[in-house]
Amino acid sequence: MDLELRQKTMVITGGTDGLGLALATRLIAEGAQVAVCGRSRDRLDRAQELLRDRALVMRADVTRAGDCESFVSATLERFGGIDGLVNNAGRAAAASIRDSDDEQWREDYELKVVAAVRMCRLALPALIVRQGAIVNVLAIMAREPHAGSMPTGASRAAGLAMTKALATEVGAQGVRVNALLIGLIASGQWARRAEAAGISEQNFYDNHPQRSAIALGRFGRREEFADLAAFLLSPRASYLTGVGIALDGGLSPVI
């Protein structure tokens, strides 16, 4: 299937590593050009080397309004417009409510909700011009927060609510907004946990205690995430908006 992404410009926060980088690579393979941001200089350098001249790779902390403004401005200056935005920046922050503190909640909400809303607000004028799309990368706990999943569970639920509200708000202007709810997908975060544990990444996935709960019996691959996200960004998904799609191999007990 031709996703009709040639010469489209896609913006990805948290795009210098893991799932975001896999998506950037997939989009470039489809003929798109991408703008990615991150905070780690090493990851920025690796992303630039991989993505080369079809990408704008920029250091930006999305919890800082000025960084977001500079990132969007640089994208518009380089590529002349924006066809898609992927709010992918995030990190795991899971604890029990009684063991978490106020600062953990503030930081998580700033990163996963406020920053995503800010990026949407900044990109919307350009997205409206090109009838573009937004994909908010969340987690399946947005639908089913469980014990020990806070504050991430609450932030993800807020992100899902924002997705629906924004889809209704801008649908008449031709902008689609969807959420991609991921389960256990191989990513940079998991790879770093495996490294910290002193085992191979594959061994980490094969022996993860939740693997047996996945209907398909394995972690998802980065490429599977990238394929679905690329479709949601593409004109081929032109009648799909305001929904959250679970990419979890059957892990979630809810539909």
C-alpha atoms as a PDB file:
ATOM      1  CA  MET A   1       0.000   0.000   0.000  1.00  0.00           C
ATOM      2  CA  ASP A   2       1.242   3.455  -0.926  1.00  0.00           C
ATOM      3  CA  LEU A   3       0.754   5.614   2.183  1.00  0.00           C
ATOM      4  CA  GLU A   4       0.990   8.790   0.080  1.00  0.00           C
ATOM      5  CA  LEU A   5       3.618  10.271   2.379  1.00  0.00           C
ATOM      6  CA  ARG A   6       6.092  11.524  -0.229  1.00  0.00           C
ATOM      7  CA  GLN A   7       7.299  15.026   0.610  1.00  0.00           C
ATOM      8  CA  LYS A   8       5.092  15.158   3.728  1.00  0.00           C
ATOM      9  CA  THR A   9       6.676  16.709   6.816  1.00  0.00           C
ATOM     10  CA  MET A  10       6.287  14.882  10.113  1.00  0.00           C
ATOM     11  CA  VAL A  11       7.275  16.165  13.559  1.00  0.00           C
ATOM     12  CA  ILE A  12       8.151  13.619  16.260  1.00  0.00           C
ATOM     13  CA  THR A  13       8.933  14.496  19.866  1.00  0.00           C
ATOM     14  CA  GLY A  14      11.141  11.944  21.565  1.00  0.00           C
ATOM     15  CA  GLY A  15      12.232  10.940  18.074  1.00  0.00           C
ATOM     16  CA  THR A  16      15.930  10.306  18.614  1.00  0.00           C
ATOM     17  CA  ASP A  17      15.662   6.847  20.145  1.00  0.00           C
ATOM     18  CA  GLY A  18      13.534   3.714  20.336  1.00  0.00           C
ATOM     19  CA  LEU A  19       9.998   3.917  18.988  1.00  0.00           C
ATOM     20  CA  GLY A  20      10.279   7.524  17.841  1.00  0.00           C
ATOM     21  CA  LEU A  21      13.429   6.822  15.859  1.00  0.00           C
ATOM     22  CA  ALA A  22      11.917   3.665  14.360  1.00  0.00           C
ATOM     23  CA  LEU A  23       8.950   5.752  13.177  1.00  0.00           C
ATOM     24  CA  ALA A  24      11.209   8.462  11.742  1.00  0.00           C
ATOM     25  CA  THR A  25      13.111   5.803   9.788  1.00  0.00           C
ATOM     26  CA  ARG A  26       9.859   4.295   8.481  1.00  0.00           C
ATOM     27  CA  LEU A  27       8.512   7.678   7.391  1.00  0.00           C
ATOM     28  CA  ILE A  28      11.707   8.521   5.522  1.00  0.00           C
ATOM     29  CA  ALA A  29      11.511   5.140   3.771  1.00  0.00           C
ATOM     30  CA  GLU A  30       8.022   6.192   2.618  1.00  0.00           C
ATOM     31  CA  GLY A  31       9.447   9.394   1.129  1.00  0.00           C
ATOM     32  CA  ALA A  32       8.563  11.778   3.968  1.00  0.00           C
ATOM     33  CA  GLN A  33      10.848  14.256   5.671  1.00  0.00           C
ATOM     34  CA  VAL A  34      10.965  14.403   9.440  1.00  0.00           C
ATOM     35  CA  ALA A  35      11.800  16.716  12.313  1.00  0.00           C
ATOM     36  CA  VAL A  36      12.756  14.969  15.535  1.00  0.00           C
ATOM     37  CA  CYS A  37      13.774  16.275  18.918  1.00  0.00           C
ATOM     38  CA  GLY A  38      15.318  14.871  22.057  1.00  0.00           C
ATOM     39  CA  ARG A  39      17.504  15.858  24.984  1.00  0.00           C
ATOM     40  CA  SER A  40      20.475  13.458  24.927  1.00  0.00           C
ATOM     41  CA  ARG A  41      23.385  14.666  22.794  1.00  0.00           C
ATOM     42  CA  ASP A  42      24.546  11.090  22.111  1.00  0.00           C
ATOM     43  CA  ARG A  43      21.104  10.064  20.861  1.00  0.00           C
ATOM     44  CA  LEU A  44      20.787  13.229  18.805  1.00  0.00           C
ATOM     45  CA  ASP A  45      24.100  12.482  17.094  1.00  0.00           C
ATOM     46  CA  ARG A  46      23.132   8.870  16.381  1.00  0.00           C
ATOM     47  CA  ALA A  47      19.768   9.939  14.994  1.00  0.00           C
ATOM     48  CA  GLN A  48      21.387  12.511  12.701  1.00  0.00           C
ATOM     49  CA  GLU A  49      23.804   9.900  11.396  1.00  0.00           C
ATOM     50  CA  LEU A  50      20.958   7.468  10.693  1.00  0.00           C
ATOM     51  CA  LEU A  51      18.385   9.877   9.255  1.00  0.00           C
ATOM     52  CA  ARG A  52      20.829  12.094   7.344  1.00  0.00           C
ATOM     53  CA  ASP A  53      19.650  14.953   5.139  1.00  0.00           C
ATOM     54  CA  ARG A  54      15.916  14.163   5.153  1.00  0.00           C
ATOM     55  CA  ALA A  55      15.673  15.054   8.831  1.00  0.00           C
ATOM     56  CA  LEU A  56      15.901  18.028  11.116  1.00  0.00           C
ATOM     57  CA  VAL A  57      17.396  16.703  14.364  1.00  0.00           C
ATOM     58  CA  MET A  58      17.177  19.252  17.151  1.00  0.00           C
ATOM     59  CA  ARG A  59      17.873  19.350  20.865  1.00  0.00           C
ATOM     60  CA  ALA A  60      14.695  20.346  22.703  1.00  0.00           C
ATOM     61  CA  ASP A  61      13.113  19.690  26.082  1.00  0.00           C
ATOM     62  CA  VAL A  62       9.354  19.632  25.458  1.00  0.00           C
ATOM     63  CA  THR A  63       8.623  20.632  29.051  1.00  0.00           C
ATOM     64  CA  ARG A  64      10.095  24.038  28.174  1.00  0.00           C
ATOM     65  CA  ALA A  65       7.775  26.280  26.185  1.00  0.00           C
ATOM     66  CA  GLY A  66      10.661  28.100  24.500  1.00  0.00           C
ATOM     67  CA  ASP A  67      12.200  24.844  23.264  1.00  0.00           C
ATOM     68  CA  CYS A  68       8.878  23.740  21.759  1.00  0.00           C
ATOM     69  CA  GLU A  69       8.429  27.084  20.017  1.00  0.00           C
ATOM     70  CA  SER A  70      11.961  26.943  18.605  1.00  0.00           C
ATOM     71  CA  PHE A  71      11.492  23.363  17.405  1.00  0.00           C
ATOM     72  CA  VAL A  72       8.257  24.114  15.544  1.00  0.00           C
ATOM     73  CA  SER A  73       9.687  27.338  14.095  1.00  0.00           C
ATOM     74  CA  ALA A  74      12.818  25.543  12.866  1.00  0.00           C
ATOM     75  CA  THR A  75      10.661  22.852  11.250  1.00  0.00           C
ATOM     76  CA  LEU A  76       8.570  25.428   9.394  1.00  0.00           C
ATOM     77  CA  GLU A  77      11.667  27.310   8.294  1.00  0.00           C
ATOM     78  CA  ARG A  78      13.349  24.180   6.949  1.00  0.00           C
ATOM     79  CA  PHE A  79      10.392  22.364   5.378  1.00  0.00           C
ATOM     80  CA  GLY A  80       7.759  25.058   4.851  1.00  0.00           C
ATOM     81  CA  GLY A  81       4.896  23.286   6.610  1.00  0.00           C
ATOM     82  CA  ILE A  82       3.777  20.433   8.845  1.00  0.00           C
ATOM     83  CA  ASP A  83       1.648  17.440   7.805  1.00  0.00           C
ATOM     84  CA  GLY A  84       1.810  15.398  10.982  1.00  0.00           C
ATOM     85  CA  LEU A  85       2.692  15.633  14.664  1.00  0.00           C
ATOM     86  CA  VAL A  86       3.556  12.686  16.900  1.00  0.00           C
ATOM     87  CA  ASN A  87       3.612  13.371  20.636  1.00  0.00           C
ATOM     88  CA  ASN A  88       5.942  10.579  21.663  1.00  0.00           C
ATOM     89  CA  ALA A  89       8.134  12.111  24.383  1.00  0.00           C
ATOM     90  CA  GLY A  90       7.781  10.316  27.685  1.00  0.00           C
ATOM     91  CA  ARG A  91       9.325   8.041  30.249  1.00  0.00           C
ATOM     92  CA  ALA A  92       8.031   5.455  32.689  1.00  0.00           C
ATOM     93  CA  ALA A  93       6.914   6.760  36.087  1.00  0.00           C
ATOM     94  CA  ALA A  94       5.067   3.968  37.852  1.00  0.00           C
ATOM     95  CA  ALA A  95       4.525   3.800  41.595  1.00  0.00           C
ATOM     96  CA  SER A  96       1.757   3.359  44.098  1.00  0.00           C
ATOM     97  CA  ILE A  97      -0.267   6.449  44.975  1.00  0.00           C
ATOM     98  CA  ARG A  98       0.788   6.344  48.615  1.00  0.00           C
ATOM     99  CA  ASP A  99       4.492   6.029  47.724  1.00  0.00           C
ATOM    100  CA  SER A 100       4.565   8.731  45.025  1.00  0.00           C
ATOM    101  CA  ASP A 101       5.163  12.375  45.875  1.00  0.00           C
ATOM    102  CA  ASP A 102       3.805  15.669  44.559  1.00  0.00           C
ATOM    103  CA  GLU A 103       6.863  16.384  42.427  1.00  0.00           C
ATOM    104  CA  GLN A 104       6.569  13.056  40.570  1.00  0.00           C
ATOM    105  CA  TRP A 105       2.985  13.916  39.653  1.00  0.00           C
ATOM    106  CA  ARG A 106       3.880  17.424  38.519  1.00  0.00           C
ATOM    107  CA  GLU A 107       6.815  16.267  36.390  1.00  0.00           C
ATOM    108  CA  ASP A 108       4.856  13.448  34.768  1.00  0.00           C
ATOM    109  CA  TYR A 109       1.865  15.644  33.950  1.00  0.00           C
ATOM    110  CA  GLU A 110       4.134  18.357  32.538  1.00  0.00           C
ATOM    111  CA  LEU A 111       5.896  15.872  30.252  1.00  0.00           C
ATOM    112  CA  LYS A 112       2.993  13.737  29.084  1.00  0.00           C
ATOM    113  CA  VAL A 113       0.035  16.129  29.078  1.00  0.00           C
ATOM    114  CA  VAL A 114       1.034  19.786  29.157  1.00  0.00           C
ATOM    115  CA  ALA A 115       3.885  19.311  26.660  1.00  0.00           C
ATOM    116  CA  ALA A 116       1.625  17.382  24.257  1.00  0.00           C
ATOM    117  CA  VAL A 117      -1.070  20.053  24.441  1.00  0.00           C
ATOM    118  CA  ARG A 118       1.570  22.732  23.875  1.00  0.00           C
ATOM    119  CA  MET A 119       2.944  20.971  20.795  1.00  0.00           C
ATOM    120  CA  CYS A 120      -0.571  20.531  19.401  1.00  0.00           C
ATOM    121  CA  ARG A 121      -1.318  24.214  19.918  1.00  0.00           C
ATOM    122  CA  LEU A 122       1.903  25.281  18.185  1.00  0.00           C
ATOM    123  CA  ALA A 123       1.538  22.905  15.230  1.00  0.00           C
ATOM    124  CA  LEU A 124      -2.198  23.317  14.594  1.00  0.00           C
ATOM    125  CA  PRO A 125      -2.045  26.402  12.345  1.00  0.00           C
ATOM    126  CA  ALA A 126       0.293  24.556   9.964  1.00  0.00           C
ATOM    127  CA  LEU A 127      -1.636  21.282  10.273  1.00  0.00           C
ATOM    128  CA  ILE A 128      -4.893  23.019   9.345  1.00  0.00           C
ATOM    129  CA  VAL A 129      -3.308  24.439   6.187  1.00  0.00           C
ATOM    130  CA  ARG A 130      -2.247  20.953   5.064  1.00  0.00           C
ATOM    131  CA  GLN A 131      -5.165  18.949   6.505  1.00  0.00           C
ATOM    132  CA  GLY A 132      -2.741  16.987   8.636  1.00  0.00           C
ATOM    133  CA  ALA A 133      -2.861  14.513  11.503  1.00  0.00           C
ATOM    134  CA  ILE A 134      -1.813  14.182  15.136  1.00  0.00           C
ATOM    135  CA  VAL A 135      -0.905  10.913  16.852  1.00  0.00           C
ATOM    136  CA  ASN A 136      -0.578  10.873  20.639  1.00  0.00           C
ATOM    137  CA  VAL A 137       1.495   7.924  21.823  1.00  0.00           C
ATOM    138  CA  LEU A 138       0.039   6.692  25.107  1.00  0.00           C
ATOM    139  CA  ALA A 139      -0.115   3.348  26.887  1.00  0.00           C
ATOM    140  CA  ILE A 140      -2.863   0.798  27.429  1.00  0.00           C
ATOM    141  CA  MET A 141      -3.061   1.878  31.079  1.00  0.00           C
ATOM    142  CA  ALA A 142      -4.843   5.004  29.770  1.00  0.00           C
ATOM    143  CA  ARG A 143      -7.921   2.739  29.631  1.00  0.00           C
ATOM    144  CA  GLU A 144      -7.159   0.458  32.554  1.00  0.00           C
ATOM    145  CA  PRO A 145      -4.915   2.049  35.196  1.00  0.00           C
ATOM    146  CA  HIS A 146      -3.866  -0.579  37.706  1.00  0.00           C
ATOM    147  CA  ALA A 147      -2.322  -0.539  41.157  1.00  0.00           C
ATOM    148  CA  GLY A 148       1.217   0.787  41.039  1.00  0.00           C
ATOM    149  CA  SER A 149       0.745   2.584  37.701  1.00  0.00           C
ATOM    150  CA  MET A 150       0.656   6.154  38.997  1.00  0.00           C
ATOM    151  CA  PRO A 151       1.257   8.897  37.998  1.00  0.00           C
ATOM    152  CA  THR A 152       1.713   7.593  34.446  1.00  0.00           C
ATOM    153  CA  GLY A 153      -1.729   5.955  34.447  1.00  0.00           C
ATOM    154  CA  ALA A 154      -3.413   9.256  35.249  1.00  0.00           C
ATOM    155  CA  SER A 155      -1.349  11.211  32.707  1.00  0.00           C
ATOM    156  CA  ARG A 156      -2.099   8.707  29.968  1.00  0.00           C
ATOM    157  CA  ALA A 157      -5.831   8.832  30.747  1.00  0.00           C
ATOM    158  CA  ALA A 158      -5.691  12.628  30.456  1.00  0.00           C
ATOM    159  CA  GLY A 159      -3.890  12.252  27.128  1.00  0.00           C
ATOM    160  CA  LEU A 160      -6.660   9.991  25.854  1.00  0.00           C
ATOM    161  CA  ALA A 161      -9.315  12.503  26.912  1.00  0.00           C
ATOM    162  CA  MET A 162      -7.355  15.286  25.197  1.00  0.00           C
ATOM    163  CA  THR A 163      -7.188  13.215  22.022  1.00  0.00           C
ATOM    164  CA  LYS A 164     -10.963  12.860  21.858  1.00  0.00           C
ATOM    165  CA  ALA A 165     -11.651  16.491  22.721  1.00  0.00           C
ATOM    166  CA  LEU A 166      -9.159  17.843  20.176  1.00  0.00           C
ATOM    167  CA  ALA A 167     -10.426  15.511  17.442  1.00  0.00           C
ATOM    168  CA  THR A 168     -13.909  16.969  17.919  1.00  0.00           C
ATOM    169  CA  GLU A 169     -12.550  20.512  18.068  1.00  0.00           C
ATOM    170  CA  VAL A 170     -10.512  20.460  14.844  1.00  0.00           C
ATOM    171  CA  GLY A 171     -12.220  17.779  12.771  1.00  0.00           C
ATOM    172  CA  ALA A 172     -14.211  20.285  10.733  1.00  0.00           C
ATOM    173  CA  GLN A 173     -10.918  21.950   9.802  1.00  0.00           C
ATOM    174  CA  GLY A 174      -9.626  18.726   8.317  1.00  0.00           C
ATOM    175  CA  VAL A 175      -7.190  17.712  11.085  1.00  0.00           C
ATOM    176  CA  ARG A 176      -7.384  14.175  12.432  1.00  0.00           C
ATOM    177  CA  VAL A 177      -6.315  13.295  16.002  1.00  0.00           C
ATOM    178  CA  ASN A 178      -5.820   9.747  17.221  1.00  0.00           C
ATOM    179  CA  ALA A 179      -4.063   7.943  20.060  1.00  0.00           C
ATOM    180  CA  LEU A 180      -1.843   4.900  19.810  1.00  0.00           C
ATOM    181  CA  LEU A 181      -1.986   2.914  23.064  1.00  0.00           C
ATOM    182  CA  ILE A 182       1.028   0.674  23.343  1.00  0.00           C
ATOM    183  CA  GLY A 183       1.540  -2.385  25.476  1.00  0.00           C
ATOM    184  CA  LEU A 184       4.886  -4.144  25.858  1.00  0.00           C
ATOM    185  CA  ILE A 185       6.832  -2.981  22.807  1.00  0.00           C
ATOM    186  CA  ALA A 186      10.604  -3.268  22.428  1.00  0.00           C
ATOM    187  CA  SER A 187      11.921   0.246  22.992  1.00  0.00           C
ATOM    188  CA  GLY A 188      14.891   2.263  24.135  1.00  0.00           C
ATOM    189  CA  GLN A 189      13.579   2.353  27.696  1.00  0.00           C
ATOM    190  CA  TRP A 190      13.367  -1.434  27.875  1.00  0.00           C
ATOM    191  CA  ALA A 191      16.790  -1.804  26.233  1.00  0.00           C
ATOM    192  CA  ARG A 192      18.339   0.420  28.890  1.00  0.00           C
ATOM    193  CA  ARG A 193      16.681  -1.620  31.643  1.00  0.00           C
ATOM    194  CA  ALA A 194      18.148  -4.802  30.148  1.00  0.00           C
ATOM    195  CA  GLU A 195      21.584  -3.196  30.018  1.00  0.00           C
ATOM    196  CA  ALA A 196      21.285  -2.088  33.647  1.00  0.00           C
ATOM    197  CA  ALA A 197      20.361  -5.663  34.600  1.00  0.00           C
ATOM    198  CA  GLY A 198      23.400  -6.995  32.750  1.00  0.00           C
ATOM    199  CA  ILE A 199      21.461  -9.193  30.316  1.00  0.00           C
ATOM    200  CA  SER A 200      20.781  -9.109  26.594  1.00  0.00           C
ATOM    201  CA  GLU A 201      17.757  -7.196  25.385  1.00  0.00           C
ATOM    202  CA  GLN A 202      16.174 -10.316  23.881  1.00  0.00           C
ATOM    203  CA  ASN A 203      16.731 -12.299  27.079  1.00  0.00           C
ATOM    204  CA  PHE A 204      15.063  -9.476  28.991  1.00  0.00           C
ATOM    205  CA  TYR A 205      11.978  -9.693  26.748  1.00  0.00           C
ATOM    206  CA  ASP A 206      11.872 -13.486  26.764  1.00  0.00           C
ATOM    207  CA  ASN A 207      11.888 -13.640  30.570  1.00  0.00           C
ATOM    208  CA  HIS A 208       9.743 -10.630  31.379  1.00  0.00           C
ATOM    209  CA  PRO A 209       7.106 -11.626  33.980  1.00  0.00           C
ATOM    210  CA  GLN A 210       4.253 -10.155  31.937  1.00  0.00           C
ATOM    211  CA  ARG A 211       5.108 -11.965  28.721  1.00  0.00           C
ATOM    212  CA  SER A 212       2.788 -14.872  29.546  1.00  0.00           C
ATOM    213  CA  ALA A 213      -0.145 -12.449  29.758  1.00  0.00           C
ATOM    214  CA  ILE A 214       0.319 -11.328  26.134  1.00  0.00           C
ATOM    215  CA  ALA A 215      -2.058 -13.255  23.855  1.00  0.00           C
ATOM    216  CA  LEU A 216       0.541 -13.365  21.060  1.00  0.00           C
ATOM    217  CA  GLY A 217       3.191 -14.513  23.532  1.00  0.00           C
ATOM    218  CA  ARG A 218       5.888 -11.931  22.758  1.00  0.00           C
ATOM    219  CA  PHE A 219       6.879  -8.286  23.000  1.00  0.00           C
ATOM    220  CA  GLY A 220       5.929  -6.111  20.070  1.00  0.00           C
ATOM    221  CA  ARG A 221       8.614  -4.957  17.650  1.00  0.00           C
ATOM    222  CA  ARG A 222       9.568  -1.350  16.997  1.00  0.00           C
ATOM    223  CA  GLU A 223       8.770  -1.833  13.329  1.00  0.00           C
ATOM    224  CA  GLU A 224       5.198  -2.879  14.172  1.00  0.00           C
ATOM    225  CA  PHE A 225       4.721   0.356  16.076  1.00  0.00           C
ATOM    226  CA  ALA A 226       6.226   2.365  13.212  1.00  0.00           C
ATOM    227  CA  ASP A 227       3.979   0.725  10.604  1.00  0.00           C
ATOM    228  CA  LEU A 228       0.781   1.520  12.495  1.00  0.00           C
ATOM    229  CA  ALA A 229       1.813   5.063  13.430  1.00  0.00           C
ATOM    230  CA  ALA A 230       2.795   5.793   9.821  1.00  0.00           C
ATOM    231  CA  PHE A 231      -0.622   4.624   8.640  1.00  0.00           C
ATOM    232  CA  LEU A 232      -2.423   6.824  11.171  1.00  0.00           C
ATOM    233  CA  LEU A 233      -0.424   9.826   9.947  1.00  0.00           C
ATOM    234  CA  SER A 234      -1.113   9.078   6.295  1.00  0.00           C
ATOM    235  CA  PRO A 235      -3.952  10.196   4.008  1.00  0.00           C
ATOM    236  CA  ARG A 236      -4.932   6.517   3.771  1.00  0.00           C
ATOM    237  CA  ALA A 237      -6.405   6.857   7.294  1.00  0.00           C
ATOM    238  CA  SER A 238      -8.497   9.842   6.193  1.00  0.00           C
ATOM    239  CA  TYR A 239     -11.735   8.762   7.948  1.00  0.00           C
ATOM    240  CA  LEU A 240     -10.145   7.777  11.238  1.00  0.00           C
ATOM    241  CA  THR A 241     -10.168  10.299  14.061  1.00  0.00           C
ATOM    242  CA  GLY A 242     -10.902  10.556  17.776  1.00  0.00           C
ATOM    243  CA  VAL A 243      -9.999   6.948  18.550  1.00  0.00           C
ATOM    244  CA  GLY A 244      -7.436   5.123  20.646  1.00  0.00           C
ATOM    245  CA  ILE A 245      -5.972   2.019  19.019  1.00  0.00           C
ATOM    246  CA  ALA A 246      -4.290  -0.561  21.252  1.00  0.00           C
ATOM    247  CA  LEU A 247      -1.056  -2.068  19.949  1.00  0.00           C
ATOM    248  CA  ASP A 248      -0.479  -4.640  22.668  1.00  0.00           C
ATOM    249  CA  GLY A 249      -0.555  -8.156  21.243  1.00  0.00           C
ATOM    250  CA  GLY A 250      -3.743  -8.851  23.189  1.00  0.00           C
ATOM    251  CA  LEU A 251      -2.310  -7.896  26.604  1.00  0.00           C
ATOM    252  CA  SER A 252      -5.152  -5.574  27.604  1.00  0.00           C
ATOM    253  CA  PRO A 253      -8.323  -7.281  28.867  1.00  0.00           C
ATOM    254  CA  VAL A 254     -10.508  -4.457  27.489  1.00  0.00           C
ATOM    255  CA  ILE A 255     -11.510  -3.790  23.874  1.00  0.00           C
END
